[in-house]
Amino acid sequence: MKYRYELSKPPSANRIWRHGKGRVYRSPEYLSWKEYNSYRVCPVPKLLEGDIKVSIWLRPKDGRVMDCDNAIKPTIDLLETCQVFRNDGQVVEIRAYKMKPNGKVYDLLVEVEEL
């Protein structure tokens, strides 16, 4: 089984966690991105139970800089939260591709496949 999603640009993995007032918390930027994109992913027709391959294509709408590695963690977390798979430990293969801007409406195309 394979799922495909068009998502907006995630915040950098470096910006997921914030520190302040003696505590660590998820950033408002990350929580907002996760809530907005969860509507594009949830609900999932069938939970993927086996080993998972995730492919991510990053396509900035303009000339913005996007680091492939910083987009992986928040994307995987979103997929787990929406129960595409039970646990990110199921992910055995990750591929990330950086594409040239072409005016598409998405920043991130994600394909999740059960192996």
C-alpha atoms as a PDB file:
ATOM      1  CA  MET A   1       0.000   0.000   0.000  1.00  0.00           C
ATOM      2  CA  LYS A   2       1.199   3.497  -0.832  1.00  0.00           C
ATOM      3  CA  TYR A   3       0.039   6.959   0.273  1.00  0.00           C
ATOM      4  CA  ARG A   4       0.952  10.297  -1.281  1.00  0.00           C
ATOM      5  CA  TYR A   5       0.566  13.744   0.323  1.00  0.00           C
ATOM      6  CA  GLU A   6       1.164  17.341  -0.718  1.00  0.00           C
ATOM      7  CA  LEU A   7       2.215  19.378   2.320  1.00  0.00           C
ATOM      8  CA  SER A   8       3.411  22.862   3.114  1.00  0.00           C
ATOM      9  CA  LYS A   9       7.018  23.512   4.055  1.00  0.00           C
ATOM     10  CA  PRO A  10       7.726  22.204   7.554  1.00  0.00           C
ATOM     11  CA  PRO A  11       9.677  24.222  10.071  1.00  0.00           C
ATOM     12  CA  SER A  12      13.285  23.168  10.380  1.00  0.00           C
ATOM     13  CA  ALA A  13      13.970  20.326  12.798  1.00  0.00           C
ATOM     14  CA  ASN A  14      16.145  22.905  14.586  1.00  0.00           C
ATOM     15  CA  ARG A  15      13.002  24.949  15.316  1.00  0.00           C
ATOM     16  CA  ILE A  16      10.705  22.239  16.680  1.00  0.00           C
ATOM     17  CA  TRP A  17      11.766  22.636  20.304  1.00  0.00           C
ATOM     18  CA  ARG A  18      11.975  25.938  22.199  1.00  0.00           C
ATOM     19  CA  HIS A  19      13.335  26.716  25.663  1.00  0.00           C
ATOM     20  CA  GLY A  20      11.994  29.290  28.050  1.00  0.00           C
ATOM     21  CA  LYS A  21      10.851  29.903  31.606  1.00  0.00           C
ATOM     22  CA  GLY A  22      12.655  26.785  32.793  1.00  0.00           C
ATOM     23  CA  ARG A  23      10.936  24.395  30.426  1.00  0.00           C
ATOM     24  CA  VAL A  24      11.207  22.849  26.969  1.00  0.00           C
ATOM     25  CA  TYR A  25       8.190  22.991  24.669  1.00  0.00           C
ATOM     26  CA  ARG A  26       7.206  22.589  21.026  1.00  0.00           C
ATOM     27  CA  SER A  27       7.346  25.843  19.122  1.00  0.00           C
ATOM     28  CA  PRO A  28       4.096  27.558  18.076  1.00  0.00           C
ATOM     29  CA  GLU A  29       5.396  27.512  14.476  1.00  0.00           C
ATOM     30  CA  TYR A  30       5.777  23.711  14.585  1.00  0.00           C
ATOM     31  CA  LEU A  31       2.375  23.149  16.243  1.00  0.00           C
ATOM     32  CA  SER A  32       0.668  25.392  13.686  1.00  0.00           C
ATOM     33  CA  TRP A  33       2.331  23.566  10.753  1.00  0.00           C
ATOM     34  CA  LYS A  34       1.420  20.184  12.223  1.00  0.00           C
ATOM     35  CA  GLU A  35      -2.229  21.120  12.769  1.00  0.00           C
ATOM     36  CA  TYR A  36      -2.596  22.666   9.286  1.00  0.00           C
ATOM     37  CA  ASN A  37      -1.068  19.657   7.517  1.00  0.00           C
ATOM     38  CA  SER A  38      -2.806  17.028   9.628  1.00  0.00           C
ATOM     39  CA  TYR A  39      -5.981  17.902   7.709  1.00  0.00           C
ATOM     40  CA  ARG A  40      -4.189  16.864   4.509  1.00  0.00           C
ATOM     41  CA  VAL A  41      -3.084  13.513   5.953  1.00  0.00           C
ATOM     42  CA  CYS A  42      -5.745  12.387   8.459  1.00  0.00           C
ATOM     43  CA  PRO A  43      -7.717  10.187   8.462  1.00  0.00           C
ATOM     44  CA  VAL A  44      -5.696   7.390   6.910  1.00  0.00           C
ATOM     45  CA  PRO A  45      -7.678   4.567   5.258  1.00  0.00           C
ATOM     46  CA  LYS A  46      -5.463   1.808   6.670  1.00  0.00           C
ATOM     47  CA  LEU A  47      -2.638   1.844   9.203  1.00  0.00           C
ATOM     48  CA  LEU A  48       0.623   0.575   7.665  1.00  0.00           C
ATOM     49  CA  GLU A  49       1.926  -2.220   9.911  1.00  0.00           C
ATOM     50  CA  GLY A  50       5.168  -3.408   8.274  1.00  0.00           C
ATOM     51  CA  ASP A  51       8.471  -1.819   7.293  1.00  0.00           C
ATOM     52  CA  ILE A  52       8.069   1.615   5.714  1.00  0.00           C
ATOM     53  CA  LYS A  53       9.837   3.550   2.971  1.00  0.00           C
ATOM     54  CA  VAL A  54       9.374   7.343   2.974  1.00  0.00           C
ATOM     55  CA  SER A  55      10.261   9.507  -0.028  1.00  0.00           C
ATOM     56  CA  ILE A  56      10.227  13.286   0.303  1.00  0.00           C
ATOM     57  CA  TRP A  57      10.471  15.774  -2.555  1.00  0.00           C
ATOM     58  CA  LEU A  58      11.158  19.348  -1.445  1.00  0.00           C
ATOM     59  CA  ARG A  59      10.033  21.958  -3.928  1.00  0.00           C
ATOM     60  CA  PRO A  60      10.234  25.572  -2.784  1.00  0.00           C
ATOM     61  CA  LYS A  61       7.594  27.812  -4.357  1.00  0.00           C
ATOM     62  CA  ASP A  62      10.223  30.482  -4.843  1.00  0.00           C
ATOM     63  CA  GLY A  63      13.944  30.856  -4.218  1.00  0.00           C
ATOM     64  CA  ARG A  64      13.750  30.033  -0.497  1.00  0.00           C
ATOM     65  CA  VAL A  65      16.454  27.821   0.937  1.00  0.00           C
ATOM     66  CA  MET A  66      15.237  24.424   2.159  1.00  0.00           C
ATOM     67  CA  ASP A  67      17.493  21.877   3.822  1.00  0.00           C
ATOM     68  CA  CYS A  68      16.467  18.300   3.052  1.00  0.00           C
ATOM     69  CA  ASP A  69      17.637  16.904   6.372  1.00  0.00           C
ATOM     70  CA  ASN A  70      15.728  19.459   8.463  1.00  0.00           C
ATOM     71  CA  ALA A  71      12.437  18.605   6.732  1.00  0.00           C
ATOM     72  CA  ILE A  72      12.589  14.878   7.490  1.00  0.00           C
ATOM     73  CA  LYS A  73      11.963  14.820  11.271  1.00  0.00           C
ATOM     74  CA  PRO A  74       8.836  17.009  11.366  1.00  0.00           C
ATOM     75  CA  THR A  75       7.374  15.176   8.358  1.00  0.00           C
ATOM     76  CA  ILE A  76       7.914  11.732   9.900  1.00  0.00           C
ATOM     77  CA  ASP A  77       6.421  12.973  13.193  1.00  0.00           C
ATOM     78  CA  LEU A  78       3.321  14.248  11.370  1.00  0.00           C
ATOM     79  CA  LEU A  79       2.837  10.904   9.610  1.00  0.00           C
ATOM     80  CA  GLU A  80       3.111   9.054  12.928  1.00  0.00           C
ATOM     81  CA  THR A  81       0.696  11.455  14.674  1.00  0.00           C
ATOM     82  CA  CYS A  82      -1.860  10.889  11.892  1.00  0.00           C
ATOM     83  CA  GLN A  83      -1.352   7.135  12.273  1.00  0.00           C
ATOM     84  CA  VAL A  84      -0.093   6.472   8.774  1.00  0.00           C
ATOM     85  CA  PHE A  85       2.136   3.999  10.646  1.00  0.00           C
ATOM     86  CA  ARG A  86       2.267   3.011  14.297  1.00  0.00           C
ATOM     87  CA  ASN A  87       5.830   4.045  15.128  1.00  0.00           C
ATOM     88  CA  ASP A  88       8.628   5.836  13.276  1.00  0.00           C
ATOM     89  CA  GLY A  89      10.806   2.827  14.117  1.00  0.00           C
ATOM     90  CA  GLN A  90       9.006   1.117  11.210  1.00  0.00           C
ATOM     91  CA  VAL A  91      10.769   3.468   8.774  1.00  0.00           C
ATOM     92  CA  VAL A  92      13.657   1.514   7.278  1.00  0.00           C
ATOM     93  CA  GLU A  93      14.324   3.697   4.243  1.00  0.00           C
ATOM     94  CA  ILE A  94      14.173   7.467   3.755  1.00  0.00           C
ATOM     95  CA  ARG A  95      14.906   9.308   0.529  1.00  0.00           C
ATOM     96  CA  ALA A  96      14.877  13.086   0.216  1.00  0.00           C
ATOM     97  CA  TYR A  97      15.089  14.973  -3.062  1.00  0.00           C
ATOM     98  CA  LYS A  98      15.472  18.692  -3.574  1.00  0.00           C
ATOM     99  CA  MET A  99      13.664  19.981  -6.663  1.00  0.00           C
ATOM    100  CA  LYS A 100      13.807  23.302  -8.494  1.00  0.00           C
ATOM    101  CA  PRO A 101      10.971  25.803  -7.951  1.00  0.00           C
ATOM    102  CA  ASN A 102       8.275  25.654 -10.616  1.00  0.00           C
ATOM    103  CA  GLY A 103       5.309  27.522  -9.141  1.00  0.00           C
ATOM    104  CA  LYS A 104       3.521  24.446  -7.756  1.00  0.00           C
ATOM    105  CA  VAL A 105       1.284  25.040  -4.770  1.00  0.00           C
ATOM    106  CA  TYR A 106       3.107  22.596  -2.500  1.00  0.00           C
ATOM    107  CA  ASP A 107       6.523  22.737  -0.885  1.00  0.00           C
ATOM    108  CA  LEU A 108       6.707  19.090   0.031  1.00  0.00           C
ATOM    109  CA  LEU A 109       5.510  15.944  -1.690  1.00  0.00           C
ATOM    110  CA  VAL A 110       5.607  12.851   0.530  1.00  0.00           C
ATOM    111  CA  GLU A 111       5.170   9.247  -0.504  1.00  0.00           C
ATOM    112  CA  VAL A 112       4.829   6.540   2.153  1.00  0.00           C
ATOM    113  CA  GLU A 113       5.022   2.926   1.079  1.00  0.00           C
ATOM    114  CA  GLU A 114       4.777  -0.311   3.017  1.00  0.00           C
ATOM    115  CA  LEU A 115       7.538  -2.673   1.914  1.00  0.00           C
END
